[in-house]
PDB file of all heavy atoms in Angstrom:
ATOM      1  N   VAL A   1       6.274 -12.314  -0.740  1.00  0.00           N
ATOM      2  CA  VAL A   1       7.551 -11.624  -0.924  1.00  0.00           C
ATOM      3  C   VAL A   1       7.357 -10.325  -1.704  1.00  0.00           C
ATOM      4  O   VAL A   1       7.977  -9.293  -1.391  1.00  0.00           O
ATOM      5  CB  VAL A   1       8.551 -12.553  -1.634  1.00  0.00           C
ATOM      6  CG1 VAL A   1       9.808 -11.794  -2.035  1.00  0.00           C
ATOM      7  CG2 VAL A   1       8.921 -13.722  -0.730  1.00  0.00           C
ATOM      8  N   ILE A   2       6.498 -10.337  -2.718  1.00  0.00           N
ATOM      9  CA  ILE A   2       6.253  -9.127  -3.505  1.00  0.00           C
ATOM     10  C   ILE A   2       5.653  -8.022  -2.633  1.00  0.00           C
ATOM     11  O   ILE A   2       5.984  -6.833  -2.792  1.00  0.00           O
ATOM     12  CB  ILE A   2       5.328  -9.442  -4.696  1.00  0.00           C
ATOM     13  CG1 ILE A   2       6.060 -10.339  -5.693  1.00  0.00           C
ATOM     14  CG2 ILE A   2       4.872  -8.168  -5.398  1.00  0.00           C
ATOM     15  CD1 ILE A   2       5.186 -10.846  -6.819  1.00  0.00           C
ATOM     16  N   TYR A   3       4.791  -8.408  -1.710  1.00  0.00           N
ATOM     17  CA  TYR A   3       4.238  -7.403  -0.789  1.00  0.00           C
ATOM     18  C   TYR A   3       5.353  -6.753   0.041  1.00  0.00           C
ATOM     19  O   TYR A   3       5.335  -5.542   0.273  1.00  0.00           O
ATOM     20  CB  TYR A   3       3.207  -8.044   0.129  1.00  0.00           C
ATOM     21  CG  TYR A   3       2.709  -7.105   1.197  1.00  0.00           C
ATOM     22  CD1 TYR A   3       1.776  -6.126   0.899  1.00  0.00           C
ATOM     23  CD2 TYR A   3       3.202  -7.180   2.498  1.00  0.00           C
ATOM     24  CE1 TYR A   3       1.325  -5.247   1.874  1.00  0.00           C
ATOM     25  CE2 TYR A   3       2.756  -6.308   3.477  1.00  0.00           C
ATOM     26  CZ  TYR A   3       1.821  -5.344   3.161  1.00  0.00           C
ATOM     27  OH  TYR A   3       1.391  -4.464   4.121  1.00  0.00           O
ATOM     28  N   LEU A   4       6.316  -7.550   0.484  1.00  0.00           N
ATOM     29  CA  LEU A   4       7.447  -6.988   1.226  1.00  0.00           C
ATOM     30  C   LEU A   4       8.225  -5.995   0.378  1.00  0.00           C
ATOM     31  O   LEU A   4       8.626  -4.919   0.856  1.00  0.00           O
ATOM     32  CB  LEU A   4       8.373  -8.110   1.698  1.00  0.00           C
ATOM     33  CG  LEU A   4       7.858  -9.036   2.798  1.00  0.00           C
ATOM     34  CD1 LEU A   4       8.880 -10.136   3.068  1.00  0.00           C
ATOM     35  CD2 LEU A   4       7.567  -8.264   4.064  1.00  0.00           C
ATOM     36  N   ASN A   5       8.445  -6.331  -0.891  1.00  0.00           N
ATOM     37  CA  ASN A   5       9.173  -5.418  -1.782  1.00  0.00           C
ATOM     38  C   ASN A   5       8.450  -4.093  -1.949  1.00  0.00           C
ATOM     39  O   ASN A   5       9.074  -3.019  -1.884  1.00  0.00           O
ATOM     40  CB  ASN A   5       9.371  -6.080  -3.151  1.00  0.00           C
ATOM     41  CG  ASN A   5      10.310  -7.265  -3.105  1.00  0.00           C
ATOM     42  OD1 ASN A   5       9.959  -8.360  -3.533  1.00  0.00           O
ATOM     43  ND2 ASN A   5      11.497  -7.066  -2.582  1.00  0.00           N
ATOM     44  N   LEU A   6       7.147  -4.147  -2.172  1.00  0.00           N
ATOM     45  CA  LEU A   6       6.376  -2.912  -2.344  1.00  0.00           C
ATOM     46  C   LEU A   6       6.360  -2.086  -1.064  1.00  0.00           C
ATOM     47  O   LEU A   6       6.460  -0.850  -1.102  1.00  0.00           O
ATOM     48  CB  LEU A   6       4.950  -3.255  -2.774  1.00  0.00           C
ATOM     49  CG  LEU A   6       4.808  -3.932  -4.137  1.00  0.00           C
ATOM     50  CD1 LEU A   6       3.357  -4.302  -4.401  1.00  0.00           C
ATOM     51  CD2 LEU A   6       5.337  -3.041  -5.247  1.00  0.00           C
ATOM     52  N   ASP A   7       6.268  -2.752   0.070  1.00  0.00           N
ATOM     53  CA  ASP A   7       6.272  -2.037   1.346  1.00  0.00           C
ATOM     54  C   ASP A   7       7.617  -1.343   1.577  1.00  0.00           C
ATOM     55  O   ASP A   7       7.661  -0.222   2.102  1.00  0.00           O
ATOM     56  CB  ASP A   7       5.977  -3.021   2.479  1.00  0.00           C
ATOM     57  CG  ASP A   7       5.799  -2.315   3.813  1.00  0.00           C
ATOM     58  OD1 ASP A   7       4.810  -1.578   3.973  1.00  0.00           O
ATOM     59  OD2 ASP A   7       6.660  -2.486   4.697  1.00  0.00           O
ATOM     60  N   ILE A   8       8.700  -1.977   1.159  1.00  0.00           N
ATOM     61  CA  ILE A   8      10.031  -1.369   1.302  1.00  0.00           C
ATOM     62  C   ILE A   8      10.162  -0.153   0.387  1.00  0.00           C
ATOM     63  O   ILE A   8      10.756   0.866   0.755  1.00  0.00           O
ATOM     64  CB  ILE A   8      11.122  -2.410   1.014  1.00  0.00           C
ATOM     65  CG1 ILE A   8      11.133  -3.463   2.118  1.00  0.00           C
ATOM     66  CG2 ILE A   8      12.495  -1.752   0.901  1.00  0.00           C
ATOM     67  CD1 ILE A   8      12.010  -4.651   1.824  1.00  0.00           C
ATOM     68  N   PHE A   9       9.605  -0.236  -0.816  1.00  0.00           N
ATOM     69  CA  PHE A   9       9.619   0.920  -1.717  1.00  0.00           C
ATOM     70  C   PHE A   9       8.890   2.104  -1.089  1.00  0.00           C
ATOM     71  O   PHE A   9       9.381   3.241  -1.142  1.00  0.00           O
ATOM     72  CB  PHE A   9       8.967   0.558  -3.049  1.00  0.00           C
ATOM     73  CG  PHE A   9       9.906  -0.063  -4.040  1.00  0.00           C
ATOM     74  CD1 PHE A   9       9.609  -1.288  -4.601  1.00  0.00           C
ATOM     75  CD2 PHE A   9      11.076   0.564  -4.416  1.00  0.00           C
ATOM     76  CE1 PHE A   9      10.471  -1.874  -5.517  1.00  0.00           C
ATOM     77  CE2 PHE A   9      11.947   0.002  -5.321  1.00  0.00           C
ATOM     78  CZ  PHE A   9      11.637  -1.225  -5.874  1.00  0.00           C
ATOM     79  N   VAL A  10       7.733   1.863  -0.520  1.00  0.00           N
ATOM     80  CA  VAL A  10       6.968   2.946   0.111  1.00  0.00           C
ATOM     81  C   VAL A  10       7.760   3.552   1.260  1.00  0.00           C
ATOM     82  O   VAL A  10       7.811   4.781   1.424  1.00  0.00           O
ATOM     83  CB  VAL A  10       5.603   2.411   0.591  1.00  0.00           C
ATOM     84  CG1 VAL A  10       4.880   3.464   1.421  1.00  0.00           C
ATOM     85  CG2 VAL A  10       4.743   2.014  -0.590  1.00  0.00           C
ATOM     86  N   GLU A  11       8.391   2.720   2.050  1.00  0.00           N
ATOM     87  CA  GLU A  11       9.161   3.223   3.189  1.00  0.00           C
ATOM     88  C   GLU A  11      10.381   4.024   2.744  1.00  0.00           C
ATOM     89  O   GLU A  11      10.721   5.044   3.356  1.00  0.00           O
ATOM     90  CB  GLU A  11       9.602   2.049   4.062  1.00  0.00           C
ATOM     91  CG  GLU A  11      10.363   2.467   5.314  1.00  0.00           C
ATOM     92  CD  GLU A  11      10.781   1.278   6.163  1.00  0.00           C
ATOM     93  OE1 GLU A  11      10.441   0.148   5.789  1.00  0.00           O
ATOM     94  OE2 GLU A  11      11.441   1.497   7.181  1.00  0.00           O
ATOM     95  N   SER A  12      11.045   3.579   1.682  1.00  0.00           N
ATOM     96  CA  SER A  12      12.260   4.264   1.229  1.00  0.00           C
ATOM     97  C   SER A  12      11.958   5.595   0.565  1.00  0.00           C
ATOM     98  O   SER A  12      12.767   6.521   0.621  1.00  0.00           O
ATOM     99  CB  SER A  12      13.032   3.364   0.261  1.00  0.00           C
ATOM    100  OG  SER A  12      12.253   3.080  -0.893  1.00  0.00           O
ATOM    101  N   PHE A  13      10.792   5.736  -0.078  1.00  0.00           N
ATOM    102  CA  PHE A  13      10.452   6.974  -0.765  1.00  0.00           C
ATOM    103  C   PHE A  13       9.810   8.011   0.146  1.00  0.00           C
ATOM    104  O   PHE A  13       9.752   9.184  -0.210  1.00  0.00           O
ATOM    105  CB  PHE A  13       9.492   6.690  -1.929  1.00  0.00           C
ATOM    106  CG  PHE A  13      10.113   5.910  -3.043  1.00  0.00           C
ATOM    107  CD1 PHE A  13       9.335   5.125  -3.880  1.00  0.00           C
ATOM    108  CD2 PHE A  13      11.470   5.952  -3.261  1.00  0.00           C
ATOM    109  CE1 PHE A  13       9.899   4.398  -4.903  1.00  0.00           C
ATOM    110  CE2 PHE A  13      12.054   5.232  -4.284  1.00  0.00           C
ATOM    111  CZ  PHE A  13      11.270   4.446  -5.110  1.00  0.00           C
ATOM    112  N   SER A  14       9.305   7.595   1.288  1.00  0.00           N
ATOM    113  CA  SER A  14       8.553   8.508   2.150  1.00  0.00           C
ATOM    114  C   SER A  14       9.446   9.143   3.207  1.00  0.00           C
ATOM    115  O   SER A  14      10.432   8.551   3.648  1.00  0.00           O
ATOM    116  CB  SER A  14       7.408   7.752   2.837  1.00  0.00           C
ATOM    117  OG  SER A  14       7.919   6.697   3.627  1.00  0.00           O
ATOM    118  N   GLU A  15       9.092  10.367   3.602  1.00  0.00           N
ATOM    119  CA  GLU A  15       9.778  11.055   4.682  1.00  0.00           C
ATOM    120  C   GLU A  15       9.153  10.678   6.022  1.00  0.00           C
ATOM    121  O   GLU A  15       7.999  10.247   6.086  1.00  0.00           O
ATOM    122  CB  GLU A  15       9.693  12.563   4.470  1.00  0.00           C
ATOM    123  CG  GLU A  15      10.314  13.034   3.160  1.00  0.00           C
ATOM    124  CD  GLU A  15      10.114  14.515   2.943  1.00  0.00           C
ATOM    125  OE1 GLU A  15       9.482  15.147   3.821  1.00  0.00           O
ATOM    126  OE2 GLU A  15      10.572  15.034   1.909  1.00  0.00           O
ATOM    127  N   ASP A  16       9.916  10.839   7.082  1.00  0.00           N
ATOM    128  CA  ASP A  16       9.429  10.433   8.402  1.00  0.00           C
ATOM    129  C   ASP A  16       8.178  11.199   8.809  1.00  0.00           C
ATOM    130  O   ASP A  16       7.269  10.637   9.445  1.00  0.00           O
ATOM    131  CB  ASP A  16      10.530  10.647   9.452  1.00  0.00           C
ATOM    132  CG  ASP A  16      11.712   9.704   9.243  1.00  0.00           C
ATOM    133  OD1 ASP A  16      11.509   8.656   8.593  1.00  0.00           O
ATOM    134  OD2 ASP A  16      12.820  10.015   9.710  1.00  0.00           O
ATOM    135  N   SER A  17       8.099  12.471   8.452  1.00  0.00           N
ATOM    136  CA  SER A  17       6.945  13.282   8.848  1.00  0.00           C
ATOM    137  C   SER A  17       5.684  12.947   8.061  1.00  0.00           C
ATOM    138  O   SER A  17       4.581  13.290   8.476  1.00  0.00           O
ATOM    139  CB  SER A  17       7.269  14.769   8.665  1.00  0.00           C
ATOM    140  OG  SER A  17       7.610  15.047   7.311  1.00  0.00           O
ATOM    141  N   LYS A  18       5.839  12.261   6.909  1.00  0.00           N
ATOM    142  CA  LYS A  18       4.686  11.952   6.060  1.00  0.00           C
ATOM    143  C   LYS A  18       4.457  10.447   5.922  1.00  0.00           C
ATOM    144  O   LYS A  18       3.652  10.018   5.088  1.00  0.00           O
ATOM    145  CB  LYS A  18       4.893  12.551   4.667  1.00  0.00           C
ATOM    146  CG  LYS A  18       5.048  14.065   4.672  1.00  0.00           C
ATOM    147  CD  LYS A  18       5.269  14.592   3.272  1.00  0.00           C
ATOM    148  CE  LYS A  18       5.443  16.103   3.274  1.00  0.00           C
ATOM    149  NZ  LYS A  18       5.684  16.631   1.904  1.00  0.00           N
ATOM    150  N   THR A  19       5.151   9.661   6.713  1.00  0.00           N
ATOM    151  CA  THR A  19       5.059   8.205   6.568  1.00  0.00           C
ATOM    152  C   THR A  19       3.649   7.702   6.829  1.00  0.00           C
ATOM    153  O   THR A  19       3.144   6.825   6.114  1.00  0.00           O
ATOM    154  CB  THR A  19       6.050   7.523   7.527  1.00  0.00           C
ATOM    155  OG1 THR A  19       7.379   7.969   7.226  1.00  0.00           O
ATOM    156  CG2 THR A  19       5.983   6.014   7.390  1.00  0.00           C
ATOM    157  N   GLY A  20       2.986   8.242   7.855  1.00  0.00           N
ATOM    158  CA  GLY A  20       1.642   7.769   8.196  1.00  0.00           C
ATOM    159  C   GLY A  20       0.647   7.972   7.072  1.00  0.00           C
ATOM    160  O   GLY A  20      -0.099   7.049   6.717  1.00  0.00           O
ATOM    161  N   GLY A  21       0.626   9.150   6.490  1.00  0.00           N
ATOM    162  CA  GLY A  21      -0.300   9.426   5.398  1.00  0.00           C
ATOM    163  C   GLY A  21      -0.005   8.608   4.159  1.00  0.00           C
ATOM    164  O   GLY A  21      -0.919   8.097   3.500  1.00  0.00           O
ATOM    165  N   ILE A  22       1.283   8.482   3.826  1.00  0.00           N
ATOM    166  CA  ILE A  22       1.670   7.723   2.634  1.00  0.00           C
ATOM    167  C   ILE A  22       1.327   6.251   2.796  1.00  0.00           C
ATOM    168  O   ILE A  22       0.779   5.607   1.891  1.00  0.00           O
ATOM    169  CB  ILE A  22       3.170   7.920   2.354  1.00  0.00           C
ATOM    170  CG1 ILE A  22       3.434   9.364   1.931  1.00  0.00           C
ATOM    171  CG2 ILE A  22       3.653   6.951   1.278  1.00  0.00           C
ATOM    172  CD1 ILE A  22       4.890   9.723   1.836  1.00  0.00           C
ATOM    173  N   ARG A  23       1.634   5.706   3.971  1.00  0.00           N
ATOM    174  CA  ARG A  23       1.315   4.297   4.205  1.00  0.00           C
ATOM    175  C   ARG A  23      -0.198   4.076   4.259  1.00  0.00           C
ATOM    176  O   ARG A  23      -0.695   3.018   3.855  1.00  0.00           O
ATOM    177  CB  ARG A  23       1.973   3.825   5.501  1.00  0.00           C
ATOM    178  CG  ARG A  23       1.876   2.331   5.745  1.00  0.00           C
ATOM    179  CD  ARG A  23       2.770   1.921   6.886  1.00  0.00           C
ATOM    180  NE  ARG A  23       4.166   2.132   6.561  1.00  0.00           N
ATOM    181  CZ  ARG A  23       4.891   1.261   5.850  1.00  0.00           C
ATOM    182  NH1 ARG A  23       4.341   0.157   5.400  1.00  0.00           N
ATOM    183  NH2 ARG A  23       6.147   1.513   5.606  1.00  0.00           N
ATOM    184  N   GLY A  24      -0.946   5.067   4.746  1.00  0.00           N
ATOM    185  CA  GLY A  24      -2.399   4.952   4.746  1.00  0.00           C
ATOM    186  C   GLY A  24      -2.958   4.863   3.328  1.00  0.00           C
ATOM    187  O   GLY A  24      -3.854   4.054   3.054  1.00  0.00           O
ATOM    188  N   ILE A  25      -2.433   5.701   2.423  1.00  0.00           N
ATOM    189  CA  ILE A  25      -2.857   5.628   1.018  1.00  0.00           C
ATOM    190  C   ILE A  25      -2.480   4.284   0.419  1.00  0.00           C
ATOM    191  O   ILE A  25      -3.255   3.661  -0.330  1.00  0.00           O
ATOM    192  CB  ILE A  25      -2.233   6.788   0.223  1.00  0.00           C
ATOM    193  CG1 ILE A  25      -2.728   8.140   0.760  1.00  0.00           C
ATOM    194  CG2 ILE A  25      -2.566   6.661  -1.258  1.00  0.00           C
ATOM    195  CD1 ILE A  25      -2.051   9.325   0.120  1.00  0.00           C
ATOM    196  N   PHE A  26      -1.279   3.807   0.744  1.00  0.00           N
ATOM    197  CA  PHE A  26      -0.801   2.524   0.232  1.00  0.00           C
ATOM    198  C   PHE A  26      -1.732   1.389   0.647  1.00  0.00           C
ATOM    199  O   PHE A  26      -2.148   0.563  -0.186  1.00  0.00           O
ATOM    200  CB  PHE A  26       0.626   2.290   0.742  1.00  0.00           C
ATOM    201  CG  PHE A  26       1.181   0.934   0.439  1.00  0.00           C
ATOM    202  CD1 PHE A  26       1.507   0.565  -0.857  1.00  0.00           C
ATOM    203  CD2 PHE A  26       1.413   0.028   1.465  1.00  0.00           C
ATOM    204  CE1 PHE A  26       2.030  -0.686  -1.133  1.00  0.00           C
ATOM    205  CE2 PHE A  26       1.939  -1.222   1.206  1.00  0.00           C
ATOM    206  CZ  PHE A  26       2.253  -1.579  -0.103  1.00  0.00           C
ATOM    207  N   MET A  27      -2.102   1.352   1.920  1.00  0.00           N
ATOM    208  CA  MET A  27      -2.989   0.297   2.407  1.00  0.00           C
ATOM    209  C   MET A  27      -4.402   0.448   1.841  1.00  0.00           C
ATOM    210  O   MET A  27      -5.084  -0.553   1.564  1.00  0.00           O
ATOM    211  CB  MET A  27      -3.029   0.323   3.936  1.00  0.00           C
ATOM    212  CG  MET A  27      -1.697   0.043   4.608  1.00  0.00           C
ATOM    213  SD  MET A  27      -0.977  -1.545   4.135  1.00  0.00           S
ATOM    214  CE  MET A  27      -2.235  -2.669   4.728  1.00  0.00           C
ATOM    215  N   THR A  28      -4.862   1.689   1.641  1.00  0.00           N
ATOM    216  CA  THR A  28      -6.184   1.908   1.058  1.00  0.00           C
ATOM    217  C   THR A  28      -6.256   1.394  -0.370  1.00  0.00           C
ATOM    218  O   THR A  28      -7.234   0.741  -0.778  1.00  0.00           O
ATOM    219  CB  THR A  28      -6.535   3.402   1.099  1.00  0.00           C
ATOM    220  OG1 THR A  28      -6.486   3.863   2.450  1.00  0.00           O
ATOM    221  CG2 THR A  28      -7.911   3.654   0.512  1.00  0.00           C
ATOM    222  N   VAL A  29      -5.205   1.685  -1.143  1.00  0.00           N
ATOM    223  CA  VAL A  29      -5.163   1.205  -2.532  1.00  0.00           C
ATOM    224  C   VAL A  29      -5.201  -0.318  -2.573  1.00  0.00           C
ATOM    225  O   VAL A  29      -5.939  -0.923  -3.372  1.00  0.00           O
ATOM    226  CB  VAL A  29      -3.898   1.750  -3.232  1.00  0.00           C
ATOM    227  CG1 VAL A  29      -3.680   1.062  -4.573  1.00  0.00           C
ATOM    228  CG2 VAL A  29      -3.996   3.252  -3.426  1.00  0.00           C
ATOM    229  N   ILE A  30      -4.428  -0.958  -1.706  1.00  0.00           N
ATOM    230  CA  ILE A  30      -4.397  -2.425  -1.681  1.00  0.00           C
ATOM    231  C   ILE A  30      -5.757  -2.988  -1.276  1.00  0.00           C
ATOM    232  O   ILE A  30      -6.267  -3.943  -1.895  1.00  0.00           O
ATOM    233  CB  ILE A  30      -3.294  -2.901  -0.720  1.00  0.00           C
ATOM    234  CG1 ILE A  30      -1.916  -2.619  -1.334  1.00  0.00           C
ATOM    235  CG2 ILE A  30      -3.438  -4.386  -0.415  1.00  0.00           C
ATOM    236  CD1 ILE A  30      -0.757  -3.021  -0.454  1.00  0.00           C
ATOM    237  N   ASN A  31      -6.380  -2.409  -0.256  1.00  0.00           N
ATOM    238  CA  ASN A  31      -7.653  -2.941   0.229  1.00  0.00           C
ATOM    239  C   ASN A  31      -8.791  -2.715  -0.769  1.00  0.00           C
ATOM    240  O   ASN A  31      -9.719  -3.544  -0.850  1.00  0.00           O
ATOM    241  CB  ASN A  31      -8.007  -2.307   1.576  1.00  0.00           C
ATOM    242  CG  ASN A  31      -7.108  -2.815   2.696  1.00  0.00           C
ATOM    243  OD1 ASN A  31      -6.767  -3.987   2.732  1.00  0.00           O
ATOM    244  ND2 ASN A  31      -6.719  -1.934   3.596  1.00  0.00           N
ATOM    245  N   ILE A  32      -8.739  -1.621  -1.522  1.00  0.00           N
ATOM    246  CA  ILE A  32      -9.763  -1.409  -2.548  1.00  0.00           C
ATOM    247  C   ILE A  32      -9.681  -2.507  -3.608  1.00  0.00           C
ATOM    248  O   ILE A  32     -10.699  -3.085  -4.023  1.00  0.00           O
ATOM    249  CB  ILE A  32      -9.601  -0.018  -3.186  1.00  0.00           C
ATOM    250  CG1 ILE A  32     -10.013   1.075  -2.195  1.00  0.00           C
ATOM    251  CG2 ILE A  32     -10.423   0.098  -4.463  1.00  0.00           C
ATOM    252  CD1 ILE A  32      -9.746   2.478  -2.683  1.00  0.00           C
ATOM    253  N   ALA A  33      -8.470  -2.809  -4.036  1.00  0.00           N
ATOM    254  CA  ALA A  33      -8.306  -3.871  -5.031  1.00  0.00           C
ATOM    255  C   ALA A  33      -8.728  -5.224  -4.470  1.00  0.00           C
ATOM    256  O   ALA A  33      -9.348  -6.034  -5.173  1.00  0.00           O
ATOM    257  CB  ALA A  33      -6.851  -3.917  -5.494  1.00  0.00           C
ATOM    258  N   ILE A  34      -8.400  -5.481  -3.206  1.00  0.00           N
ATOM    259  CA  ILE A  34      -8.791  -6.752  -2.587  1.00  0.00           C
ATOM    260  C   ILE A  34     -10.308  -6.859  -2.471  1.00  0.00           C
ATOM    261  O   ILE A  34     -10.879  -7.953  -2.594  1.00  0.00           O
ATOM    262  CB  ILE A  34      -8.117  -6.900  -1.209  1.00  0.00           C
ATOM    263  CG1 ILE A  34      -6.607  -7.078  -1.386  1.00  0.00           C
ATOM    264  CG2 ILE A  34      -8.691  -8.072  -0.429  1.00  0.00           C
ATOM    265  CD1 ILE A  34      -5.830  -7.108  -0.096  1.00  0.00           C
ATOM    266  N   ALA A  35     -10.990  -5.743  -2.235  1.00  0.00           N
ATOM    267  CA  ALA A  35     -12.447  -5.760  -2.120  1.00  0.00           C
ATOM    268  C   ALA A  35     -13.126  -5.930  -3.478  1.00  0.00           C
ATOM    269  O   ALA A  35     -14.181  -6.579  -3.579  1.00  0.00           O
ATOM    270  CB  ALA A  35     -12.929  -4.469  -1.455  1.00  0.00           C
ATOM    271  N   VAL A  36     -12.551  -5.357  -4.519  1.00  0.00           N
ATOM    272  CA  VAL A  36     -13.176  -5.393  -5.842  1.00  0.00           C
ATOM    273  C   VAL A  36     -12.876  -6.696  -6.578  1.00  0.00           C
ATOM    274  O   VAL A  36     -13.740  -7.226  -7.301  1.00  0.00           O
ATOM    275  CB  VAL A  36     -12.728  -4.177  -6.674  1.00  0.00           C
ATOM    276  CG1 VAL A  36     -13.246  -4.259  -8.109  1.00  0.00           C
ATOM    277  CG2 VAL A  36     -13.190  -2.886  -6.016  1.00  0.00           C
ATOM    278  N   ALA A  37     -11.671  -7.233  -6.399  1.00  0.00           N
ATOM    279  CA  ALA A  37     -11.239  -8.394  -7.182  1.00  0.00           C
ATOM    280  C   ALA A  37     -12.130  -9.622  -7.020  1.00  0.00           C
ATOM    281  O   ALA A  37     -12.441 -10.287  -8.017  1.00  0.00           O
ATOM    282  CB  ALA A  37      -9.785  -8.735  -6.822  1.00  0.00           C
ATOM    283  N   PRO A  38     -12.603 -10.001  -5.816  1.00  0.00           N
ATOM    284  CA  PRO A  38     -13.478 -11.177  -5.716  1.00  0.00           C
ATOM    285  C   PRO A  38     -14.783 -11.032  -6.495  1.00  0.00           C
ATOM    286  O   PRO A  38     -15.295 -12.014  -7.048  1.00  0.00           O
ATOM    287  CB  PRO A  38     -13.733 -11.276  -4.204  1.00  0.00           C
ATOM    288  CG  PRO A  38     -12.548 -10.653  -3.575  1.00  0.00           C
ATOM    289  CD  PRO A  38     -12.197  -9.521  -4.483  1.00  0.00           C
ATOM    290  N   PHE A  39     -15.335  -9.818  -6.559  1.00  0.00           N
ATOM    291  CA  PHE A  39     -16.537  -9.612  -7.368  1.00  0.00           C
ATOM    292  C   PHE A  39     -16.245  -9.865  -8.846  1.00  0.00           C
ATOM    293  O   PHE A  39     -17.049 -10.488  -9.552  1.00  0.00           O
ATOM    294  CB  PHE A  39     -17.062  -8.190  -7.168  1.00  0.00           C
ATOM    295  CG  PHE A  39     -17.664  -7.953  -5.820  1.00  0.00           C
ATOM    296  CD1 PHE A  39     -16.937  -7.308  -4.827  1.00  0.00           C
ATOM    297  CD2 PHE A  39     -18.947  -8.367  -5.531  1.00  0.00           C
ATOM    298  CE1 PHE A  39     -17.481  -7.080  -3.569  1.00  0.00           C
ATOM    299  CE2 PHE A  39     -19.519  -8.149  -4.277  1.00  0.00           C
ATOM    300  CZ  PHE A  39     -18.782  -7.500  -3.299  1.00  0.00           C
ATOM    301  N   MET A  40     -15.091  -9.372  -9.305  1.00  0.00           N
ATOM    302  CA  MET A  40     -14.715  -9.627 -10.684  1.00  0.00           C
ATOM    303  C   MET A  40     -14.497 -11.111 -10.940  1.00  0.00           C
ATOM    304  O   MET A  40     -14.873 -11.638 -11.990  1.00  0.00           O
ATOM    305  CB  MET A  40     -13.448  -8.829 -11.024  1.00  0.00           C
ATOM    306  CG  MET A  40     -13.631  -7.337 -11.002  1.00  0.00           C
ATOM    307  SD  MET A  40     -12.158  -6.454 -11.524  1.00  0.00           S
ATOM    308  CE  MET A  40     -11.997  -7.025 -13.212  1.00  0.00           C
ATOM    309  N   ALA A  41     -13.887 -11.805  -9.975  1.00  0.00           N
ATOM    310  CA  ALA A  41     -13.685 -13.252 -10.121  1.00  0.00           C
ATOM    311  C   ALA A  41     -15.023 -13.981 -10.210  1.00  0.00           C
ATOM    312  O   ALA A  41     -15.194 -14.933 -10.977  1.00  0.00           O
ATOM    313  CB  ALA A  41     -12.859 -13.782  -8.954  1.00  0.00           C
TER     314      ALA A  41
END
């Protein structure tokens, strides 16, 4: 559910012409944390 909330925030703050780039940064940030966190664990 928290992921849905964050995704809605990104969609509401972004403009239609820049949605692709903004969402790409959003997914990159999430995937970097997902890749690093298991090593820390």
